C-alpha atoms as a PDB file:
ATOM      1  CA  UNK A   1     -22.643 -17.608  35.801  1.00  0.00           C
ATOM      2  CA  UNK A   2     -24.872 -16.084  33.134  1.00  0.00           C
ATOM      3  CA  UNK A   3     -25.682 -13.175  35.433  1.00  0.00           C
ATOM      4  CA  UNK A   4     -21.978 -12.508  36.007  1.00  0.00           C
ATOM      5  CA  UNK A   5     -21.355 -12.589  32.239  1.00  0.00           C
ATOM      6  CA  UNK A   6     -24.176 -10.113  31.684  1.00  0.00           C
ATOM      7  CA  UNK A   7     -22.794  -7.808  34.374  1.00  0.00           C
ATOM      8  CA  UNK A   8     -19.296  -7.906  32.852  1.00  0.00           C
ATOM      9  CA  UNK A   9     -20.733  -7.213  29.389  1.00  0.00           C
ATOM     10  CA  UNK A  10     -22.797  -4.317  30.724  1.00  0.00           C
ATOM     11  CA  UNK A  11     -19.808  -2.794  32.520  1.00  0.00           C
ATOM     12  CA  UNK A  12     -17.559  -3.127  29.458  1.00  0.00           C
ATOM     13  CA  UNK A  13     -20.189  -1.450  27.279  1.00  0.00           C
ATOM     14  CA  UNK A  14     -20.577   1.316  29.858  1.00  0.00           C
ATOM     15  CA  UNK A  15     -16.806   1.918  29.901  1.00  0.00           C
ATOM     16  CA  UNK A  16     -16.766   1.957  26.087  1.00  0.00           C
ATOM     17  CA  UNK A  17     -19.625   4.456  25.936  1.00  0.00           C
ATOM     18  CA  UNK A  18     -17.991   6.691  28.537  1.00  0.00           C
ATOM     19  CA  UNK A  19     -14.620   6.684  26.747  1.00  0.00           C
ATOM     20  CA  UNK A  20     -16.250   7.261  23.363  1.00  0.00           C
ATOM     21  CA  UNK A  21     -18.295  10.198  24.696  1.00  0.00           C
ATOM     22  CA  UNK A  22     -15.187  11.669  26.319  1.00  0.00           C
ATOM     23  CA  UNK A  23     -13.349  11.416  23.002  1.00  0.00           C
ATOM     24  CA  UNK A  24     -16.227  13.184  21.259  1.00  0.00           C
ATOM     25  CA  UNK A  25     -16.218  15.955  23.869  1.00  0.00           C
ATOM     26  CA  UNK A  26     -12.469  16.514  23.449  1.00  0.00           C
ATOM     27  CA  UNK A  27     -12.953  16.653  19.679  1.00  0.00           C
ATOM     28  CA  UNK A  28     -15.704  19.260  19.987  1.00  0.00           C
ATOM     29  CA  UNK A  29     -13.449  21.357  22.245  1.00  0.00           C
ATOM     30  CA  UNK A  30     -10.714  21.281  19.597  1.00  0.00           C
ATOM     31  CA  UNK A  31      -8.420  18.951  21.528  1.00  0.00           C
ATOM     32  CA  UNK A  32      -7.881  16.646  18.531  1.00  0.00           C
ATOM     33  CA  UNK A  33      -4.739  15.033  19.979  1.00  0.00           C
ATOM     34  CA  UNK A  34      -6.602  14.189  23.201  1.00  0.00           C
ATOM     35  CA  UNK A  35      -9.566  12.827  21.240  1.00  0.00           C
ATOM     36  CA  UNK A  36      -7.260  10.659  19.119  1.00  0.00           C
ATOM     37  CA  UNK A  37      -5.612   9.293  22.255  1.00  0.00           C
ATOM     38  CA  UNK A  38      -9.036   8.430  23.670  1.00  0.00           C
ATOM     39  CA  UNK A  39     -10.144   6.603  20.513  1.00  0.00           C
ATOM     40  CA  UNK A  40      -6.799   4.786  20.228  1.00  0.00           C
ATOM     41  CA  UNK A  41      -7.312   3.561  23.792  1.00  0.00           C
ATOM     42  CA  UNK A  42     -10.648   2.050  22.776  1.00  0.00           C
ATOM     43  CA  UNK A  43      -9.048   0.215  19.852  1.00  0.00           C
ATOM     44  CA  UNK A  44      -6.235  -1.104  22.044  1.00  0.00           C
ATOM     45  CA  UNK A  45      -8.918  -2.410  24.392  1.00  0.00           C
ATOM     46  CA  UNK A  46     -10.433  -4.397  21.523  1.00  0.00           C
ATOM     47  CA  UNK A  47     -13.398  -2.073  21.020  1.00  0.00           C
ATOM     48  CA  UNK A  48     -13.340  -1.933  17.212  1.00  0.00           C
ATOM     49  CA  UNK A  49     -16.212  -0.193  15.461  1.00  0.00           C
ATOM     50  CA  UNK A  50     -16.881   1.878  12.370  1.00  0.00           C
ATOM     51  CA  UNK A  51     -17.649   4.919  14.542  1.00  0.00           C
ATOM     52  CA  UNK A  52     -14.364   4.728  16.468  1.00  0.00           C
ATOM     53  CA  UNK A  53     -12.272   4.417  13.286  1.00  0.00           C
ATOM     54  CA  UNK A  54     -14.225   7.203  11.586  1.00  0.00           C
ATOM     55  CA  UNK A  55     -13.869   9.607  14.520  1.00  0.00           C
ATOM     56  CA  UNK A  56     -10.213   8.701  14.910  1.00  0.00           C
ATOM     57  CA  UNK A  57      -9.656   9.441  11.219  1.00  0.00           C
ATOM     58  CA  UNK A  58     -11.318  12.836  11.712  1.00  0.00           C
ATOM     59  CA  UNK A  59      -9.148  13.599  14.742  1.00  0.00           C
ATOM     60  CA  UNK A  60      -5.960  12.835  12.788  1.00  0.00           C
ATOM     61  CA  UNK A  61      -7.198  14.733   9.728  1.00  0.00           C
ATOM     62  CA  UNK A  62      -7.721  17.838  11.877  1.00  0.00           C
ATOM     63  CA  UNK A  63      -4.080  17.510  12.966  1.00  0.00           C
ATOM     64  CA  UNK A  64      -3.047  17.095   9.294  1.00  0.00           C
ATOM     65  CA  UNK A  65      -1.596  13.672  10.093  1.00  0.00           C
ATOM     66  CA  UNK A  66      -2.232  12.216   6.652  1.00  0.00           C
ATOM     67  CA  UNK A  67      -1.249   8.567   7.044  1.00  0.00           C
ATOM     68  CA  UNK A  68      -3.171   7.863  10.289  1.00  0.00           C
ATOM     69  CA  UNK A  69      -6.221   9.703   8.934  1.00  0.00           C
ATOM     70  CA  UNK A  70      -6.294   7.665   5.705  1.00  0.00           C
ATOM     71  CA  UNK A  71      -5.557   4.423   7.543  1.00  0.00           C
ATOM     72  CA  UNK A  72      -8.468   4.853   9.950  1.00  0.00           C
ATOM     73  CA  UNK A  73     -10.904   5.945   7.238  1.00  0.00           C
ATOM     74  CA  UNK A  74      -9.947   2.819   5.312  1.00  0.00           C
ATOM     75  CA  UNK A  75     -10.517   0.685   8.414  1.00  0.00           C
ATOM     76  CA  UNK A  76     -13.946   2.289   8.871  1.00  0.00           C
ATOM     77  CA  UNK A  77     -14.832   1.464   5.267  1.00  0.00           C
ATOM     78  CA  UNK A  78     -13.812  -2.152   5.791  1.00  0.00           C
ATOM     79  CA  UNK A  79     -16.493  -2.368   8.483  1.00  0.00           C
ATOM     80  CA  UNK A  80     -19.063  -0.364   6.522  1.00  0.00           C
ATOM     81  CA  UNK A  81     -18.228  -0.016   2.792  1.00  0.00           C
ATOM     82  CA  UNK A  82     -21.400   1.990   2.141  1.00  0.00           C
ATOM     83  CA  UNK A  83     -20.710   4.873   4.538  1.00  0.00           C
ATOM     84  CA  UNK A  84     -20.802   7.940   2.275  1.00  0.00           C
ATOM     85  CA  UNK A  85     -19.365  10.398   4.796  1.00  0.00           C
ATOM     86  CA  UNK A  86     -16.316   8.200   5.352  1.00  0.00           C
ATOM     87  CA  UNK A  87     -15.727   8.028   1.590  1.00  0.00           C
ATOM     88  CA  UNK A  88     -16.012  11.809   1.323  1.00  0.00           C
ATOM     89  CA  UNK A  89     -13.577  12.413   4.194  1.00  0.00           C
ATOM     90  CA  UNK A  90     -11.156   9.859   2.761  1.00  0.00           C
ATOM     91  CA  UNK A  91     -11.227  11.728  -0.560  1.00  0.00           C
ATOM     92  CA  UNK A  92     -10.384  14.958   1.294  1.00  0.00           C
ATOM     93  CA  UNK A  93      -7.509  13.250   3.125  1.00  0.00           C
ATOM     94  CA  UNK A  94      -6.123  11.941  -0.174  1.00  0.00           C
ATOM     95  CA  UNK A  95      -5.737  15.550  -1.333  1.00  0.00           C
ATOM     96  CA  UNK A  96      -3.053  15.973   1.342  1.00  0.00           C
ATOM     97  CA  UNK A  97      -0.987  13.116  -0.096  1.00  0.00           C
ATOM     98  CA  UNK A  98       2.070  14.322  -2.019  1.00  0.00           C
ATOM     99  CA  UNK A  99       2.327  11.325  -4.365  1.00  0.00           C
ATOM    100  CA  UNK A 100       0.043  11.570  -7.394  1.00  0.00           C
ATOM    101  CA  UNK A 101       0.071   8.017  -8.731  1.00  0.00           C
ATOM    102  CA  UNK A 102      -2.313   7.451 -11.630  1.00  0.00           C
ATOM    103  CA  UNK A 103      -3.928   3.995 -11.818  1.00  0.00           C
ATOM    104  CA  UNK A 104      -2.931   1.984 -14.882  1.00  0.00           C
ATOM    105  CA  UNK A 105      -5.846   1.605 -17.331  1.00  0.00           C
ATOM    106  CA  UNK A 106      -7.231  -1.911 -17.046  1.00  0.00           C
ATOM    107  CA  UNK A 107      -7.101  -4.157 -20.112  1.00  0.00           C
ATOM    108  CA  UNK A 108      -8.345  -7.686 -20.774  1.00  0.00           C
ATOM    109  CA  UNK A 109     -11.686  -9.286 -19.961  1.00  0.00           C
ATOM    110  CA  UNK A 110     -10.971  -9.850 -16.267  1.00  0.00           C
ATOM    111  CA  UNK A 111      -9.740  -6.305 -15.700  1.00  0.00           C
ATOM    112  CA  UNK A 112     -12.613  -4.857 -17.728  1.00  0.00           C
ATOM    113  CA  UNK A 113     -15.093  -6.782 -15.583  1.00  0.00           C
ATOM    114  CA  UNK A 114     -13.408  -5.519 -12.431  1.00  0.00           C
ATOM    115  CA  UNK A 115     -13.578  -1.955 -13.747  1.00  0.00           C
ATOM    116  CA  UNK A 116     -17.333  -2.472 -14.095  1.00  0.00           C
ATOM    117  CA  UNK A 117     -18.056  -4.380 -10.883  1.00  0.00           C
ATOM    118  CA  UNK A 118     -15.195  -3.267  -8.623  1.00  0.00           C
ATOM    119  CA  UNK A 119     -16.690   0.197  -8.111  1.00  0.00           C
ATOM    120  CA  UNK A 120     -18.932  -1.386  -5.488  1.00  0.00           C
ATOM    121  CA  UNK A 121     -18.134  -3.593  -2.514  1.00  0.00           C
ATOM    122  CA  UNK A 122     -19.256  -7.229  -2.687  1.00  0.00           C
ATOM    123  CA  UNK A 123     -21.676  -6.531   0.175  1.00  0.00           C
ATOM    124  CA  UNK A 124     -23.350  -3.919  -2.034  1.00  0.00           C
ATOM    125  CA  UNK A 125     -23.725  -6.456  -4.847  1.00  0.00           C
ATOM    126  CA  UNK A 126     -25.232  -8.906  -2.365  1.00  0.00           C
ATOM    127  CA  UNK A 127     -27.847  -6.320  -1.391  1.00  0.00           C
ATOM    128  CA  UNK A 128     -28.590  -5.703  -5.079  1.00  0.00           C
ATOM    129  CA  UNK A 129     -29.210  -9.441  -5.467  1.00  0.00           C
ATOM    130  CA  UNK A 130     -31.571  -9.382  -2.464  1.00  0.00           C
ATOM    131  CA  UNK A 131     -33.431  -6.403  -3.947  1.00  0.00           C
ATOM    132  CA  UNK A 132     -33.834  -8.176  -7.286  1.00  0.00           C
ATOM    133  CA  UNK A 133     -35.110 -11.248  -5.420  1.00  0.00           C
ATOM    134  CA  UNK A 134     -37.788  -9.186  -3.681  1.00  0.00           C
ATOM    135  CA  UNK A 135     -38.717  -7.549  -6.979  1.00  0.00           C
ATOM    136  CA  UNK A 136     -38.934 -10.967  -8.616  1.00  0.00           C
ATOM    137  CA  UNK A 137     -41.285 -12.178  -5.873  1.00  0.00           C
ATOM    138  CA  UNK A 138     -43.584  -9.167  -6.412  1.00  0.00           C
ATOM    139  CA  UNK A 139     -43.607  -9.813 -10.161  1.00  0.00           C
ATOM    140  CA  UNK A 140     -44.418 -13.481  -9.583  1.00  0.00           C
ATOM    141  CA  UNK A 141     -47.392 -12.533  -7.421  1.00  0.00           C
ATOM    142  CA  UNK A 142     -48.533 -10.131 -10.125  1.00  0.00           C
ATOM    143  CA  UNK A 143     -48.176 -12.858 -12.744  1.00  0.00           C
ATOM    144  CA  UNK A 144     -50.095 -15.345 -10.579  1.00  0.00           C
ATOM    145  CA  UNK A 145     -52.951 -12.944  -9.824  1.00  0.00           C
ATOM    146  CA  UNK A 146     -53.236 -11.340 -13.266  1.00  0.00           C
ATOM    147  CA  UNK A 147     -56.131 -12.494 -15.396  1.00  0.00           C
ATOM    148  CA  UNK A 148     -55.179 -10.902 -18.701  1.00  0.00           C
ATOM    149  CA  UNK A 149     -52.728 -12.818 -20.905  1.00  0.00           C
ATOM    150  CA  UNK A 150     -51.055  -9.576 -22.007  1.00  0.00           C
ATOM    151  CA  UNK A 151     -50.462  -8.495 -18.401  1.00  0.00           C
ATOM    152  CA  UNK A 152     -49.180 -11.973 -17.517  1.00  0.00           C
ATOM    153  CA  UNK A 153     -46.668 -11.608 -20.358  1.00  0.00           C
ATOM    154  CA  UNK A 154     -45.456  -8.298 -18.952  1.00  0.00           C
ATOM    155  CA  UNK A 155     -44.994  -9.764 -15.464  1.00  0.00           C
ATOM    156  CA  UNK A 156     -43.248 -12.831 -16.910  1.00  0.00           C
ATOM    157  CA  UNK A 157     -40.820 -10.650 -18.870  1.00  0.00           C
ATOM    158  CA  UNK A 158     -40.156  -8.628 -15.735  1.00  0.00           C
ATOM    159  CA  UNK A 159     -39.430 -11.838 -13.786  1.00  0.00           C
ATOM    160  CA  UNK A 160     -36.962 -12.929 -16.457  1.00  0.00           C
ATOM    161  CA  UNK A 161     -35.139  -9.576 -16.256  1.00  0.00           C
ATOM    162  CA  UNK A 162     -35.136  -9.737 -12.428  1.00  0.00           C
ATOM    163  CA  UNK A 163     -33.661 -13.263 -12.489  1.00  0.00           C
ATOM    164  CA  UNK A 164     -30.905 -12.053 -14.813  1.00  0.00           C
ATOM    165  CA  UNK A 165     -30.277  -9.237 -12.332  1.00  0.00           C
ATOM    166  CA  UNK A 166     -30.035 -11.733  -9.461  1.00  0.00           C
ATOM    167  CA  UNK A 167     -27.573 -13.942 -11.356  1.00  0.00           C
ATOM    168  CA  UNK A 168     -25.430 -10.965 -12.448  1.00  0.00           C
ATOM    169  CA  UNK A 169     -25.368  -9.479  -8.927  1.00  0.00           C
ATOM    170  CA  UNK A 170     -24.356 -12.779  -7.331  1.00  0.00           C
ATOM    171  CA  UNK A 171     -21.607 -13.355  -9.911  1.00  0.00           C
ATOM    172  CA  UNK A 172     -20.400  -9.768  -9.427  1.00  0.00           C
ATOM    173  CA  UNK A 173     -20.302 -10.244  -5.626  1.00  0.00           C
ATOM    174  CA  UNK A 174     -18.313 -13.480  -5.971  1.00  0.00           C
ATOM    175  CA  UNK A 175     -15.954 -11.918  -8.538  1.00  0.00           C
ATOM    176  CA  UNK A 176     -15.275  -8.772  -6.484  1.00  0.00           C
ATOM    177  CA  UNK A 177     -14.787 -10.818  -3.309  1.00  0.00           C
ATOM    178  CA  UNK A 178     -12.250 -13.079  -5.048  1.00  0.00           C
ATOM    179  CA  UNK A 179     -10.347 -10.025  -6.299  1.00  0.00           C
ATOM    180  CA  UNK A 180     -10.404  -8.370  -2.867  1.00  0.00           C
ATOM    181  CA  UNK A 181      -9.101 -11.550  -1.220  1.00  0.00           C
ATOM    182  CA  UNK A 182      -5.953 -11.250  -3.359  1.00  0.00           C
ATOM    183  CA  UNK A 183      -5.338  -7.702  -2.217  1.00  0.00           C
ATOM    184  CA  UNK A 184      -3.300  -6.858   0.881  1.00  0.00           C
ATOM    185  CA  UNK A 185      -3.461  -3.052   1.118  1.00  0.00           C
ATOM    186  CA  UNK A 186      -1.199  -0.972   3.312  1.00  0.00           C
ATOM    187  CA  UNK A 187      -0.637   2.722   3.979  1.00  0.00           C
ATOM    188  CA  UNK A 188       2.793   4.351   3.932  1.00  0.00           C
ATOM    189  CA  UNK A 189       3.418   5.853   7.391  1.00  0.00           C
ATOM    190  CA  UNK A 190       6.999   7.017   6.869  1.00  0.00           C
ATOM    191  CA  UNK A 191       7.199  10.707   5.945  1.00  0.00           C
ATOM    192  CA  UNK A 192       9.523   9.856   3.050  1.00  0.00           C
ATOM    193  CA  UNK A 193      10.739   6.403   2.042  1.00  0.00           C
ATOM    194  CA  UNK A 194      12.559   4.894  -0.932  1.00  0.00           C
ATOM    195  CA  UNK A 195      11.106   1.970  -2.852  1.00  0.00           C
ATOM    196  CA  UNK A 196      14.027  -0.376  -3.589  1.00  0.00           C
ATOM    197  CA  UNK A 197      14.705  -2.633  -6.570  1.00  0.00           C
ATOM    198  CA  UNK A 198      15.709  -5.453  -4.206  1.00  0.00           C
ATOM    199  CA  UNK A 199      15.054  -6.238  -0.533  1.00  0.00           C
ATOM    200  CA  UNK A 200      18.167  -4.597   0.892  1.00  0.00           C
ATOM    201  CA  UNK A 201      19.209  -1.110   1.921  1.00  0.00           C
ATOM    202  CA  UNK A 202      21.975  -0.836  -0.702  1.00  0.00           C
ATOM    203  CA  UNK A 203      19.693  -1.668  -3.629  1.00  0.00           C
ATOM    204  CA  UNK A 204      18.833   0.942  -6.255  1.00  0.00           C
ATOM    205  CA  UNK A 205      15.988   3.355  -5.509  1.00  0.00           C
ATOM    206  CA  UNK A 206      13.154   2.909  -7.992  1.00  0.00           C
ATOM    207  CA  UNK A 207      10.643   5.302  -6.466  1.00  0.00           C
ATOM    208  CA  UNK A 208      10.253   7.766  -3.612  1.00  0.00           C
ATOM    209  CA  UNK A 209       7.025   7.532  -1.640  1.00  0.00           C
ATOM    210  CA  UNK A 210       5.494   9.851   0.933  1.00  0.00           C
ATOM    211  CA  UNK A 211       3.129   9.316   3.842  1.00  0.00           C
ATOM    212  CA  UNK A 212      -0.475   8.442   3.070  1.00  0.00           C
ATOM    213  CA  UNK A 213       0.158   6.594  -0.194  1.00  0.00           C
ATOM    214  CA  UNK A 214      -1.725   3.324  -0.515  1.00  0.00           C
ATOM    215  CA  UNK A 215       0.165   0.246  -1.718  1.00  0.00           C
ATOM    216  CA  UNK A 216      -0.605  -3.433  -2.160  1.00  0.00           C
ATOM    217  CA  UNK A 217       1.660  -5.949  -0.424  1.00  0.00           C
ATOM    218  CA  UNK A 218       2.274  -9.203  -2.310  1.00  0.00           C
ATOM    219  CA  UNK A 219       5.443 -10.643  -0.764  1.00  0.00           C
ATOM    220  CA  UNK A 220       7.611 -10.535   2.352  1.00  0.00           C
ATOM    221  CA  UNK A 221      11.320 -11.195   2.692  1.00  0.00           C
ATOM    222  CA  UNK A 222      13.010 -10.567   6.017  1.00  0.00           C
ATOM    223  CA  UNK A 223      12.322  -6.993   7.061  1.00  0.00           C
ATOM    224  CA  UNK A 224      11.118  -6.002   3.591  1.00  0.00           C
ATOM    225  CA  UNK A 225       7.735  -5.974   1.863  1.00  0.00           C
ATOM    226  CA  UNK A 226       7.280  -6.221  -1.885  1.00  0.00           C
ATOM    227  CA  UNK A 227       4.594  -3.727  -2.882  1.00  0.00           C
ATOM    228  CA  UNK A 228       2.709  -2.788  -6.019  1.00  0.00           C
ATOM    229  CA  UNK A 229       1.539   0.775  -6.657  1.00  0.00           C
ATOM    230  CA  UNK A 230      -1.629   1.777  -8.502  1.00  0.00           C
ATOM    231  CA  UNK A 231       0.395   2.433 -11.661  1.00  0.00           C
ATOM    232  CA  UNK A 232       1.741  -1.166 -11.395  1.00  0.00           C
ATOM    233  CA  UNK A 233       5.219  -0.022 -10.282  1.00  0.00           C
ATOM    234  CA  UNK A 234       6.849  -2.692  -8.111  1.00  0.00           C
ATOM    235  CA  UNK A 235       9.495  -2.388  -5.432  1.00  0.00           C
ATOM    236  CA  UNK A 236      10.621  -3.355  -1.948  1.00  0.00           C
ATOM    237  CA  UNK A 237       9.933  -1.229   1.100  1.00  0.00           C
ATOM    238  CA  UNK A 238      11.018  -1.423   4.739  1.00  0.00           C
ATOM    239  CA  UNK A 239       8.222  -3.196   6.643  1.00  0.00           C
ATOM    240  CA  UNK A 240       8.295  -0.533   9.360  1.00  0.00           C
ATOM    241  CA  UNK A 241       7.522   2.194   6.791  1.00  0.00           C
ATOM    242  CA  UNK A 242       4.011   0.890   6.140  1.00  0.00           C
ATOM    243  CA  UNK A 243       1.006  -0.276   8.118  1.00  0.00           C
ATOM    244  CA  UNK A 244      -1.114  -3.034   6.646  1.00  0.00           C
ATOM    245  CA  UNK A 245      -4.890  -2.677   6.692  1.00  0.00           C
ATOM    246  CA  UNK A 246      -5.603  -6.386   7.040  1.00  0.00           C
END
């Protein structure tokens, strides 16, 4: 049975590799629509990966399809928040978005802390904590092996600073993770859509949004989603006009 499982796994990986390579070849030839179709097929088959989302975002960006490009870059960043090239391409895609919504300045202790720590993903803070731990271990060895009292003092002070770094990094990771868990981001896929004051078609329009704009979903009622924009504007949008990232 194990041998059969290994064979199936090998074949599935071979199919994935072949489809991925074919998508890359189509992209290089300038057939961006064909490449996108190839990558979408991989995702539909359950083959999610940072590389597939990233390449799919590139294929849509080349076609100037703003919403799908931004959506797939965002999905790639969910799998690897530290991928610089994805962040750079996402920034380029955002320049194609018509809506220019300015984030509301954060006030209060909690929001100030998030402004400080939220620039980095909680995984990044976890790695900072690991780095401080390794540094602390090196300092401890130096303290243990040092013979001079003055040098021991220097190593001890360094250990104290490293421990503070570990504690701060862990708290930052926990804080950012808790904030992220309360977010339910989505991308507007409709070319143009009205944000309503209430969850019904006849309600007053409070805002007009265009494709590619990122919103945060915080409620659902029937076929409507209550969303919050980066400037804290609130309204209801048709659920079919957006695509949630999580």
